[in-house]
């Protein structure tokens, strides 16, 4: 990590990560659905709403 941060990296210094957690796979959509007063889905909640 020090070499990468310092800009002195080579191809063997990179890390490949693969996350399959539900909270990471959908990005902003994982904040949930916005619903009206009758529980109908009206869109996706923003991060601020979450």
PDB file of N, CA and C in Angstrom:
ATOM      1  N   UNK A   1       0.827  -1.187   0.000  1.00  0.00           N
ATOM      2  CA  UNK A   1       0.000   0.000   0.000  1.00  0.00           C
ATOM      3  C   UNK A   1       0.874   1.255   0.000  1.00  0.00           C
ATOM      4  N   UNK A   2       1.969   1.210   0.697  1.00  0.00           N
ATOM      5  CA  UNK A   2       2.852   2.389   0.725  1.00  0.00           C
ATOM      6  C   UNK A   2       3.356   2.728  -0.672  1.00  0.00           C
ATOM      7  N   UNK A   3       3.738   1.699  -1.440  1.00  0.00           N
ATOM      8  CA  UNK A   3       4.228   1.953  -2.803  1.00  0.00           C
ATOM      9  C   UNK A   3       3.126   2.547  -3.680  1.00  0.00           C
ATOM     10  N   UNK A   4       1.910   2.047  -3.534  1.00  0.00           N
ATOM     11  CA  UNK A   4       0.801   2.562  -4.331  1.00  0.00           C
ATOM     12  C   UNK A   4       0.537   4.025  -3.973  1.00  0.00           C
ATOM     13  N   UNK A   5       0.469   4.320  -2.689  1.00  0.00           N
ATOM     14  CA  UNK A   5       0.221   5.706  -2.253  1.00  0.00           C
ATOM     15  C   UNK A   5       1.321   6.655  -2.707  1.00  0.00           C
ATOM     16  N   UNK A   6       2.557   6.152  -2.728  1.00  0.00           N
ATOM     17  CA  UNK A   6       3.688   6.999  -3.105  1.00  0.00           C
ATOM     18  C   UNK A   6       3.857   7.093  -4.620  1.00  0.00           C
ATOM     19  N   UNK A   7       3.101   6.298  -5.369  1.00  0.00           N
ATOM     20  CA  UNK A   7       3.211   6.336  -6.819  1.00  0.00           C
ATOM     21  C   UNK A   7       4.360   5.497  -7.357  1.00  0.00           C
ATOM     22  N   UNK A   8       4.956   4.655  -6.516  1.00  0.00           N
ATOM     23  CA  UNK A   8       6.071   3.788  -6.935  1.00  0.00           C
ATOM     24  C   UNK A   8       5.591   2.334  -6.995  1.00  0.00           C
ATOM     25  N   UNK A   9       4.553   2.103  -7.741  1.00  0.00           N
ATOM     26  CA  UNK A   9       3.945   0.784  -7.775  1.00  0.00           C
ATOM     27  C   UNK A   9       4.241   0.062  -9.084  1.00  0.00           C
ATOM     28  N   UNK A  10       4.083  -1.229  -9.036  1.00  0.00           N
ATOM     29  CA  UNK A  10       4.215  -2.071 -10.212  1.00  0.00           C
ATOM     30  C   UNK A  10       2.976  -2.929 -10.352  1.00  0.00           C
ATOM     31  N   UNK A  11       2.904  -3.710 -11.404  1.00  0.00           N
ATOM     32  CA  UNK A  11       1.686  -4.487 -11.650  1.00  0.00           C
ATOM     33  C   UNK A  11       1.396  -5.500 -10.549  1.00  0.00           C
ATOM     34  N   UNK A  12       2.400  -5.937  -9.814  1.00  0.00           N
ATOM     35  CA  UNK A  12       2.189  -6.883  -8.722  1.00  0.00           C
ATOM     36  C   UNK A  12       1.705  -6.236  -7.439  1.00  0.00           C
ATOM     37  N   UNK A  13       1.619  -4.916  -7.418  1.00  0.00           N
ATOM     38  CA  UNK A  13       1.220  -4.208  -6.200  1.00  0.00           C
ATOM     39  C   UNK A  13      -0.277  -3.923  -6.115  1.00  0.00           C
ATOM     40  N   UNK A  14      -1.041  -4.217  -7.151  1.00  0.00           N
ATOM     41  CA  UNK A  14      -2.451  -3.887  -7.137  1.00  0.00           C
ATOM     42  C   UNK A  14      -3.276  -4.975  -6.482  1.00  0.00           C
ATOM     43  N   UNK A  15      -4.359  -4.556  -5.870  1.00  0.00           N
ATOM     44  CA  UNK A  15      -5.264  -5.462  -5.176  1.00  0.00           C
ATOM     45  C   UNK A  15      -6.596  -5.456  -5.927  1.00  0.00           C
ATOM     46  N   UNK A  16      -7.108  -6.641  -6.203  1.00  0.00           N
ATOM     47  CA  UNK A  16      -8.422  -6.754  -6.819  1.00  0.00           C
ATOM     48  C   UNK A  16      -9.378  -7.243  -5.746  1.00  0.00           C
ATOM     49  N   UNK A  17     -10.457  -6.509  -5.528  1.00  0.00           N
ATOM     50  CA  UNK A  17     -11.451  -6.884  -4.524  1.00  0.00           C
ATOM     51  C   UNK A  17     -12.811  -7.027  -5.195  1.00  0.00           C
ATOM     52  N   UNK A  18     -13.571  -7.998  -4.750  1.00  0.00           N
ATOM     53  CA  UNK A  18     -14.891  -8.246  -5.317  1.00  0.00           C
ATOM     54  C   UNK A  18     -15.885  -8.372  -4.170  1.00  0.00           C
ATOM     55  N   UNK A  19     -16.760  -7.395  -4.018  1.00  0.00           N
ATOM     56  CA  UNK A  19     -17.747  -7.410  -2.943  1.00  0.00           C
ATOM     57  C   UNK A  19     -19.092  -7.864  -3.484  1.00  0.00           C
ATOM     58  N   UNK A  20     -19.697  -8.794  -2.824  1.00  0.00           N
ATOM     59  CA  UNK A  20     -21.002  -9.284  -3.248  1.00  0.00           C
ATOM     60  C   UNK A  20     -22.074  -9.007  -2.196  1.00  0.00           C
ATOM     61  N   UNK A  21     -21.752  -8.196  -1.205  1.00  0.00           N
ATOM     62  CA  UNK A  21     -22.730  -7.856  -0.178  1.00  0.00           C
ATOM     63  C   UNK A  21     -23.867  -7.051  -0.794  1.00  0.00           C
ATOM     64  N   UNK A  22     -25.066  -7.301  -0.349  1.00  0.00           N
ATOM     65  CA  UNK A  22     -26.227  -6.593  -0.894  1.00  0.00           C
ATOM     66  C   UNK A  22     -26.128  -5.093  -0.681  1.00  0.00           C
ATOM     67  N   UNK A  23     -25.533  -4.676   0.423  1.00  0.00           N
ATOM     68  CA  UNK A  23     -25.455  -3.243   0.684  1.00  0.00           C
ATOM     69  C   UNK A  23     -24.427  -2.547  -0.193  1.00  0.00           C
ATOM     70  N   UNK A  24     -23.561  -3.280  -0.869  1.00  0.00           N
ATOM     71  CA  UNK A  24     -22.567  -2.682  -1.746  1.00  0.00           C
ATOM     72  C   UNK A  24     -22.912  -2.840  -3.220  1.00  0.00           C
ATOM     73  N   UNK A  25     -23.656  -3.855  -3.547  1.00  0.00           N
ATOM     74  CA  UNK A  25     -23.882  -4.165  -4.953  1.00  0.00           C
ATOM     75  C   UNK A  25     -24.786  -3.178  -5.669  1.00  0.00           C
ATOM     76  N   UNK A  26     -25.692  -2.520  -4.962  1.00  0.00           N
ATOM     77  CA  UNK A  26     -26.635  -1.645  -5.627  1.00  0.00           C
ATOM     78  C   UNK A  26     -26.344  -0.168  -5.486  1.00  0.00           C
ATOM     79  N   UNK A  27     -25.283   0.160  -4.821  1.00  0.00           N
ATOM     80  CA  UNK A  27     -24.959   1.564  -4.641  1.00  0.00           C
ATOM     81  C   UNK A  27     -26.051   2.337  -3.939  1.00  0.00           C
ATOM     82  N   UNK A  28     -26.458   3.449  -4.498  1.00  0.00           N
ATOM     83  CA  UNK A  28     -27.443   4.322  -3.866  1.00  0.00           C
ATOM     84  C   UNK A  28     -28.797   3.635  -3.690  1.00  0.00           C
ATOM     85  N   UNK A  29     -29.097   2.647  -4.508  1.00  0.00           N
ATOM     86  CA  UNK A  29     -30.394   1.972  -4.405  1.00  0.00           C
ATOM     87  C   UNK A  29     -30.560   1.209  -3.109  1.00  0.00           C
ATOM     88  N   UNK A  30     -29.492   0.899  -2.425  1.00  0.00           N
ATOM     89  CA  UNK A  30     -29.592   0.144  -1.184  1.00  0.00           C
ATOM     90  C   UNK A  30     -30.109   0.995  -0.035  1.00  0.00           C
ATOM     91  N   UNK A  31     -30.356   2.271  -0.266  1.00  0.00           N
ATOM     92  CA  UNK A  31     -30.931   3.116   0.777  1.00  0.00           C
ATOM     93  C   UNK A  31     -32.422   2.859   0.939  1.00  0.00           C
ATOM     94  N   UNK A  32     -32.978   2.064   0.065  1.00  0.00           N
ATOM     95  CA  UNK A  32     -34.375   1.670   0.191  1.00  0.00           C
ATOM     96  C   UNK A  32     -35.302   2.432  -0.730  1.00  0.00           C
ATOM     97  N   UNK A  33     -36.517   2.011  -0.724  1.00  0.00           N
ATOM     98  CA  UNK A  33     -37.545   2.612  -1.573  1.00  0.00           C
ATOM     99  C   UNK A  33     -38.282   3.709  -0.804  1.00  0.00           C
ATOM    100  N   UNK A  34     -38.660   4.738  -1.516  1.00  0.00           N
ATOM    101  CA  UNK A  34     -39.500   5.788  -0.946  1.00  0.00           C
ATOM    102  C   UNK A  34     -40.941   5.343  -1.140  1.00  0.00           C
ATOM    103  N   UNK A  35     -41.742   5.471  -0.102  1.00  0.00           N
ATOM    104  CA  UNK A  35     -43.149   5.057  -0.180  1.00  0.00           C
ATOM    105  C   UNK A  35     -44.058   6.213   0.226  1.00  0.00           C
ATOM    106  N   UNK A  36     -45.242   6.228  -0.364  1.00  0.00           N
ATOM    107  CA  UNK A  36     -46.208   7.260   0.003  1.00  0.00           C
ATOM    108  C   UNK A  36     -46.995   6.810   1.232  1.00  0.00           C
ATOM    109  N   UNK A  37     -47.997   7.583   1.607  1.00  0.00           N
ATOM    110  CA  UNK A  37     -48.764   7.281   2.824  1.00  0.00           C
ATOM    111  C   UNK A  37     -49.571   6.000   2.725  1.00  0.00           C
ATOM    112  N   UNK A  38     -49.745   5.482   1.507  1.00  0.00           N
ATOM    113  CA  UNK A  38     -50.464   4.223   1.327  1.00  0.00           C
ATOM    114  C   UNK A  38     -49.512   3.073   1.025  1.00  0.00           C
ATOM    115  N   UNK A  39     -48.235   3.271   1.323  1.00  0.00           N
ATOM    116  CA  UNK A  39     -47.178   2.257   1.177  1.00  0.00           C
ATOM    117  C   UNK A  39     -46.866   1.894  -0.266  1.00  0.00           C
ATOM    118  N   UNK A  40     -47.243   2.754  -1.211  1.00  0.00           N
ATOM    119  CA  UNK A  40     -46.889   2.514  -2.613  1.00  0.00           C
ATOM    120  C   UNK A  40     -45.491   3.051  -2.862  1.00  0.00           C
ATOM    121  N   UNK A  41     -44.701   2.302  -3.615  1.00  0.00           N
ATOM    122  CA  UNK A  41     -43.344   2.731  -3.947  1.00  0.00           C
ATOM    123  C   UNK A  41     -43.412   3.921  -4.894  1.00  0.00           C
ATOM    124  N   UNK A  42     -42.720   4.995  -4.525  1.00  0.00           N
ATOM    125  CA  UNK A  42     -42.728   6.198  -5.359  1.00  0.00           C
ATOM    126  C   UNK A  42     -41.333   6.545  -5.879  1.00  0.00           C
ATOM    127  N   UNK A  43     -40.362   5.732  -5.560  1.00  0.00           N
ATOM    128  CA  UNK A  43     -38.999   5.974  -6.017  1.00  0.00           C
ATOM    129  C   UNK A  43     -37.996   5.438  -5.016  1.00  0.00           C
ATOM    130  N   UNK A  44     -36.779   5.868  -5.161  1.00  0.00           N
ATOM    131  CA  UNK A  44     -35.712   5.445  -4.252  1.00  0.00           C
ATOM    132  C   UNK A  44     -35.373   6.581  -3.294  1.00  0.00           C
ATOM    133  N   UNK A  45     -35.077   6.225  -2.029  1.00  0.00           N
ATOM    134  CA  UNK A  45     -34.678   7.239  -1.066  1.00  0.00           C
ATOM    135  C   UNK A  45     -33.279   7.738  -1.397  1.00  0.00           C
ATOM    136  N   UNK A  46     -33.043   9.005  -1.123  1.00  0.00           N
ATOM    137  CA  UNK A  46     -31.704   9.557  -1.284  1.00  0.00           C
ATOM    138  C   UNK A  46     -30.870   9.213  -0.061  1.00  0.00           C
ATOM    139  N   UNK A  47     -29.583   9.453  -0.126  1.00  0.00           N
ATOM    140  CA  UNK A  47     -28.744   9.214   1.049  1.00  0.00           C
ATOM    141  C   UNK A  47     -29.186  10.097   2.204  1.00  0.00           C
ATOM    142  N   UNK A  48     -29.582  11.321   1.914  1.00  0.00           N
ATOM    143  CA  UNK A  48     -30.047  12.223   2.978  1.00  0.00           C
ATOM    144  C   UNK A  48     -31.315  11.681   3.647  1.00  0.00           C
ATOM    145  N   UNK A  49     -32.223  11.123   2.844  1.00  0.00           N
ATOM    146  CA  UNK A  49     -33.453  10.553   3.407  1.00  0.00           C
ATOM    147  C   UNK A  49     -33.171   9.310   4.230  1.00  0.00           C
ATOM    148  N   UNK A  50     -32.184   8.552   3.814  1.00  0.00           N
ATOM    149  CA  UNK A  50     -31.825   7.326   4.524  1.00  0.00           C
ATOM    150  C   UNK A  50     -31.353   7.666   5.922  1.00  0.00           C
TER     151      UNK A  50
END
